[in-house]
Protein backbone atom coordinates (compact mmCIF):
# COMPACT_ATOMS: atom_id res chain seq x y z
CA UNK A 1 -11.63 -10.47 26.15
CA UNK A 2 -9.09 -9.09 24.38
CA UNK A 3 -9.83 -7.62 21.01
CA UNK A 4 -7.94 -10.26 18.75
CA UNK A 5 -9.30 -12.85 20.52
CA UNK A 6 -13.00 -10.57 20.15
CA UNK A 7 -12.28 -11.02 16.13
CA UNK A 8 -11.01 -14.89 16.41
CA UNK A 9 -14.16 -15.90 18.53
CA UNK A 10 -16.51 -13.28 15.72
CA UNK A 11 -15.14 -14.55 12.66
CA UNK A 12 -15.43 -18.71 13.55
CA UNK A 13 -19.00 -18.09 14.42
CA UNK A 14 -19.75 -16.56 11.51
CA UNK A 15 -17.91 -18.99 9.65
CA UNK A 16 -19.54 -21.84 10.98
CA UNK A 17 -22.93 -20.28 10.50
CA UNK A 18 -22.13 -19.49 7.07
CA UNK A 19 -21.20 -23.46 6.36
CA UNK A 20 -23.71 -24.50 9.07
CA UNK A 21 -26.65 -23.50 7.33
CA UNK A 22 -26.42 -24.76 3.85
CA UNK A 23 -25.21 -28.16 5.20
CA UNK A 24 -28.40 -27.72 7.14
CA UNK A 25 -30.19 -27.40 4.19
CA UNK A 26 -29.25 -30.20 2.65
CA UNK A 27 -29.26 -32.38 4.99
CA UNK A 28 -32.58 -31.28 5.78
CA UNK A 29 -34.24 -31.97 2.14
CA UNK A 30 -36.89 -34.24 1.79
CA UNK A 31 -36.62 -36.51 -1.12
CA UNK A 32 -40.09 -36.72 -3.03
CA UNK A 33 -40.98 -39.80 -4.06
CA UNK A 34 -40.82 -42.90 -2.02
CA UNK A 35 -40.05 -46.17 -3.70
CA UNK A 36 -40.18 -50.21 -2.90
CA UNK A 37 -39.19 -52.78 -5.57
CA UNK A 38 -40.49 -51.62 -9.53
CA UNK A 39 -42.50 -48.69 -8.10
CA UNK A 40 -42.55 -45.25 -6.62
CA UNK A 41 -44.88 -42.98 -5.55
CA UNK A 42 -44.47 -39.19 -6.57
CA UNK A 43 -46.51 -36.35 -8.03
CA UNK A 44 -49.13 -37.60 -10.00
CA UNK A 45 -49.50 -36.51 -13.75
CA UNK A 46 -53.26 -36.29 -13.45
CA UNK A 47 -54.34 -36.25 -9.41
CA UNK A 48 -52.86 -36.29 -6.36
CA UNK A 49 -49.69 -39.14 -5.63
CA UNK A 50 -49.38 -41.72 -8.30
CA UNK A 51 -47.65 -44.83 -8.82
CA UNK A 52 -44.18 -44.63 -11.31
CA UNK A 53 -42.53 -47.55 -12.91
CA UNK A 54 -39.34 -47.46 -11.46
CA UNK A 55 -37.44 -49.62 -13.68
CA UNK A 56 -39.02 -51.13 -17.06
CA UNK A 57 -41.91 -53.99 -16.20
CA UNK A 58 -42.55 -56.52 -18.72
CA UNK A 59 -45.69 -57.68 -19.68
CA UNK A 60 -47.58 -59.63 -17.62
CA UNK A 61 -45.01 -59.62 -15.04
CA UNK A 62 -46.56 -59.36 -11.29
CA UNK A 63 -45.49 -55.54 -10.01
CA UNK A 64 -46.71 -56.00 -5.97
CA UNK A 65 -49.21 -58.55 -4.01
CA UNK A 66 -50.39 -56.28 -1.72
CA UNK A 67 -51.81 -57.65 1.41
CA UNK A 68 -55.51 -57.11 1.91
CA UNK A 69 -58.22 -57.06 4.30
CA UNK A 70 -62.09 -57.83 3.67
CA UNK A 71 -64.26 -55.98 6.04
CA UNK A 72 -68.26 -54.99 5.31
CA UNK A 73 -69.19 -52.67 2.77
CA UNK A 74 -70.79 -50.47 5.63
CA UNK A 75 -67.14 -50.56 7.78
CA UNK A 76 -66.13 -48.27 4.65
CA UNK A 77 -66.83 -44.61 4.45
CA UNK A 78 -65.43 -40.98 4.25
CA UNK A 79 -62.24 -41.13 1.81
CA UNK A 80 -61.41 -43.95 2.27
CA UNK A 81 -64.01 -45.01 0.29
CA UNK A 82 -62.24 -44.08 -2.51
CA UNK A 83 -59.47 -46.81 -2.46
CA UNK A 84 -61.41 -49.51 -1.71
CA UNK A 85 -61.31 -52.67 -4.18
CA UNK A 86 -64.59 -55.34 -4.21
CA UNK A 87 -64.08 -58.30 -2.21
CA UNK A 88 -65.91 -61.76 -2.53
CA UNK A 89 -69.50 -61.07 -2.84
CA UNK A 90 -71.67 -57.46 -3.24
CA UNK A 91 -70.91 -56.50 0.36
CA UNK A 92 -67.74 -57.37 1.13
CA UNK A 93 -64.56 -54.82 0.29
CA UNK A 94 -60.99 -55.30 0.21
CA UNK A 95 -58.40 -52.38 1.84
CA UNK A 96 -55.10 -52.79 -0.11
CA UNK A 97 -52.31 -51.82 1.94
CA UNK A 98 -49.07 -51.09 0.56
CA UNK A 99 -48.82 -49.18 -2.97
CA UNK A 100 -51.58 -50.78 -4.39
CA UNK A 101 -53.77 -48.01 -2.88
CA UNK A 102 -52.07 -45.12 -5.41
CA UNK A 103 -52.44 -46.25 -8.52
CA UNK A 104 -55.01 -43.81 -10.06
CA UNK A 105 -57.17 -44.53 -13.12
CA UNK A 106 -57.33 -44.46 -17.02
CA UNK A 107 -59.28 -46.24 -19.40
CA UNK A 108 -56.00 -47.14 -21.48
CA UNK A 109 -54.93 -49.21 -18.11
CA UNK A 110 -50.88 -50.67 -18.30
CA UNK A 111 -51.92 -52.75 -15.24
CA UNK A 112 -54.59 -55.20 -13.91
CA UNK A 113 -55.18 -56.48 -10.29
CA UNK A 114 -57.24 -59.88 -9.86
CA UNK A 115 -57.85 -61.10 -6.22
CA UNK A 116 -56.00 -64.16 -4.60
CA UNK A 117 -56.02 -65.74 -1.06
CA UNK A 118 -53.53 -66.82 0.46
CA UNK A 119 -52.93 -69.20 4.08
CA UNK A 120 -52.10 -65.64 5.37
CA UNK A 121 -55.98 -63.50 3.74
CA UNK A 122 -56.68 -61.95 0.69
CA UNK A 123 -53.95 -60.24 -1.65
CA UNK A 124 -54.24 -58.28 -4.28
CA UNK A 125 -51.86 -59.21 -7.30
CA UNK A 126 -51.14 -56.28 -10.06
CA UNK A 127 -49.63 -57.04 -12.77
CA UNK A 128 -48.67 -55.40 -16.48
CA UNK A 129 -51.28 -55.57 -19.71
CA UNK A 130 -48.11 -54.71 -21.76
CA UNK A 131 -44.46 -53.78 -21.66
CA UNK A 132 -43.95 -50.51 -19.26
CA UNK A 133 -41.17 -48.45 -19.10
CA UNK A 134 -39.19 -46.92 -16.13
CA UNK A 135 -40.41 -43.52 -15.31
CA UNK A 136 -44.31 -44.38 -16.78
CA UNK A 137 -47.03 -43.98 -14.30
CA UNK A 138 -48.92 -46.98 -13.59
CA UNK A 139 -52.64 -46.92 -14.25
CA UNK A 140 -55.52 -49.38 -14.07
CA UNK A 141 -59.55 -49.45 -14.99
CA UNK A 142 -61.64 -48.36 -11.71
CA UNK A 143 -64.50 -49.77 -14.21
CA UNK A 144 -67.62 -48.39 -14.98
CA UNK A 145 -69.21 -49.00 -11.46
CA UNK A 146 -66.88 -46.59 -9.62
CA UNK A 147 -67.43 -43.95 -11.64
CA UNK A 148 -71.41 -44.56 -11.21
CA UNK A 149 -70.92 -44.13 -7.72
CA UNK A 150 -69.09 -41.17 -7.92
CA UNK A 151 -70.57 -37.14 -8.63
């Protein structure tokens, strides 16, 4: 290689690396939150992950319909025990799909839920108890029974 060609190759390699490293970092950067519909999931203000309003939500509006699996209480254990809802009887639990499992607790909730049976099976329907501002964390009340069974 002649000295001029060597210099051009070296400078080209350095310029390529100088441009490529920042470009790779920007393209590889992962967004912290994920969203669907009116809800985004991000770091909670109280614990772990939480659900947040990605837009203003009106009182009474359905926020999400979560398909749910109804399983026997004996089949639920470990960490999953913290993410299930009561089923149709005392020995049944609902495992909600979607973002329904990630709403945190508050004694002053802005969201409530009810179970609805659809032709495809049980659904957990989450709705706003009051007007909710964009960016506000979404909470429902886990109930006294939930807290008495935890430390």
